[in-house]
């Protein structure tokens, strides 16, 4: 049973290598989606840290601030909290850059596979969403 439109036939055989490319493409799509979700979460967290940094700057320098370490809050000096927030922002920026690079590498490989598969199967395969 074929699912092609009426009057259209498919003469291309799917080899084991072709099936491996299709499977890899599917895995890459899922991986890219996961990276994008993680990137969105980190972006929201970065926005929260930026807002927090702005609010902390409005406080007096001699005030102590509750800072969350793990599951507990610790009273720290204003300058210490500012330093920690800057470090947290740097860590988040590095994670976001790494995820963006992973998305880019994944997309490049997906494009390679897409070109190979469309070259062989043409209209018989749909790799777009």
Protein backbone atom coordinates (compact mmCIF):
# COMPACT_ATOMS: atom_id res chain seq x y z
CA UNK A 1 0.00 0.00 0.00
CA UNK A 2 1.41 3.37 -1.03
CA UNK A 3 0.29 6.76 0.21
CA UNK A 4 1.18 8.67 -2.94
CA UNK A 5 -1.34 10.77 -4.85
CA UNK A 6 -3.29 8.94 -7.52
CA UNK A 7 -1.30 8.45 -10.70
CA UNK A 8 2.09 9.07 -9.04
CA UNK A 9 4.49 6.20 -8.52
CA UNK A 10 7.66 5.90 -6.50
CA UNK A 11 10.55 4.02 -8.06
CA UNK A 12 13.17 4.91 -5.43
CA UNK A 13 14.23 2.16 -3.05
CA UNK A 14 15.11 3.04 0.53
CA UNK A 15 18.48 1.57 1.42
CA UNK A 16 19.76 0.89 4.93
CA UNK A 17 21.97 4.00 4.69
CA UNK A 18 18.99 6.11 3.65
CA UNK A 19 17.00 4.84 6.60
CA UNK A 20 19.92 5.70 8.91
CA UNK A 21 19.96 9.26 7.51
CA UNK A 22 16.21 9.58 8.05
CA UNK A 23 16.56 8.32 11.63
CA UNK A 24 19.45 10.70 12.31
CA UNK A 25 17.41 13.59 10.91
CA UNK A 26 14.54 12.70 13.24
CA UNK A 27 16.85 12.56 16.25
CA UNK A 28 18.38 15.91 15.31
CA UNK A 29 14.95 17.55 15.09
CA UNK A 30 14.11 16.33 18.58
CA UNK A 31 17.49 17.41 19.93
CA UNK A 32 17.15 20.86 18.36
CA UNK A 33 13.67 21.26 19.87
CA UNK A 34 15.05 20.32 23.28
CA UNK A 35 17.90 22.83 22.92
CA UNK A 36 15.42 25.57 21.98
CA UNK A 37 13.25 24.85 25.04
CA UNK A 38 16.32 24.96 27.30
CA UNK A 39 17.45 28.20 25.65
CA UNK A 40 14.03 29.79 26.25
CA UNK A 41 14.15 28.76 29.91
CA UNK A 42 17.64 30.21 30.32
CA UNK A 43 16.54 33.39 28.59
CA UNK A 44 13.68 33.81 31.08
CA UNK A 45 16.06 33.15 33.96
CA UNK A 46 18.47 35.75 32.57
CA UNK A 47 15.63 38.27 32.34
CA UNK A 48 14.78 37.61 35.98
CA UNK A 49 18.41 38.07 37.00
CA UNK A 50 18.61 41.33 35.05
CA UNK A 51 15.47 42.61 36.78
CA UNK A 52 16.85 41.53 40.14
CA UNK A 53 20.15 43.28 39.45
CA UNK A 54 18.31 46.52 38.73
CA UNK A 55 16.31 46.23 41.94
CA UNK A 56 19.41 45.43 44.01
CA UNK A 57 21.16 48.53 42.66
CA UNK A 58 18.39 50.67 44.17
CA UNK A 59 19.16 49.45 47.70
CA UNK A 60 21.56 51.16 50.08
CA UNK A 61 25.11 49.85 50.06
CA UNK A 62 25.09 49.01 53.75
CA UNK A 63 21.87 46.95 53.64
CA UNK A 64 21.99 43.20 53.95
CA UNK A 65 20.07 41.23 51.35
CA UNK A 66 18.59 37.74 51.39
CA UNK A 67 20.40 35.73 48.73
CA UNK A 68 19.31 32.23 47.79
CA UNK A 69 22.03 29.59 47.98
CA UNK A 70 20.62 26.20 47.08
CA UNK A 71 17.43 25.80 49.10
CA UNK A 72 18.21 28.38 51.78
CA UNK A 73 18.42 32.14 52.02
CA UNK A 74 21.50 33.79 53.49
CA UNK A 75 21.89 37.43 54.54
CA UNK A 76 24.76 38.93 52.55
CA UNK A 77 26.16 42.41 52.12
CA UNK A 78 24.95 44.41 49.14
CA UNK A 79 28.34 44.33 47.40
CA UNK A 80 28.60 40.55 47.80
CA UNK A 81 25.14 40.05 46.29
CA UNK A 82 25.98 42.30 43.34
CA UNK A 83 29.15 40.29 42.69
CA UNK A 84 27.27 36.99 42.90
CA UNK A 85 24.57 38.25 40.54
CA UNK A 86 27.21 39.32 38.01
CA UNK A 87 28.79 35.86 38.22
CA UNK A 88 25.38 34.19 37.83
CA UNK A 89 24.73 36.35 34.78
CA UNK A 90 28.06 35.32 33.25
CA UNK A 91 27.34 31.64 33.86
CA UNK A 92 23.92 31.98 32.23
CA UNK A 93 25.37 33.86 29.26
CA UNK A 94 27.95 31.10 28.75
CA UNK A 95 25.27 28.40 28.92
CA UNK A 96 23.12 30.31 26.43
CA UNK A 97 26.06 30.71 24.04
CA UNK A 98 26.82 26.99 24.26
CA UNK A 99 23.18 26.13 23.52
CA UNK A 100 23.08 28.57 20.59
CA UNK A 101 26.21 26.92 19.18
CA UNK A 102 24.67 23.47 19.64
CA UNK A 103 21.53 24.60 17.83
CA UNK A 104 23.63 25.98 14.98
CA UNK A 105 25.69 22.79 14.61
CA UNK A 106 22.54 20.67 14.76
CA UNK A 107 20.83 22.82 12.13
CA UNK A 108 23.86 22.56 9.81
CA UNK A 109 23.82 18.76 10.04
CA UNK A 110 20.05 18.73 9.48
CA UNK A 111 20.52 20.83 6.33
CA UNK A 112 23.17 18.41 5.05
CA UNK A 113 20.90 15.43 5.62
CA UNK A 114 17.92 17.25 4.14
CA UNK A 115 19.88 18.00 0.95
CA UNK A 116 21.03 14.39 0.63
CA UNK A 117 17.56 12.97 1.23
CA UNK A 118 15.75 15.42 -1.05
CA UNK A 119 18.35 14.75 -3.77
CA UNK A 120 17.51 11.05 -3.66
CA UNK A 121 13.79 11.03 -2.86
CA UNK A 122 12.59 14.40 -4.20
CA UNK A 123 8.86 14.89 -3.60
CA UNK A 124 8.52 11.41 -2.09
CA UNK A 125 9.79 12.57 1.29
CA UNK A 126 8.74 15.48 3.48
CA UNK A 127 11.33 16.73 5.97
CA UNK A 128 9.69 20.07 6.68
CA UNK A 129 7.30 20.76 9.50
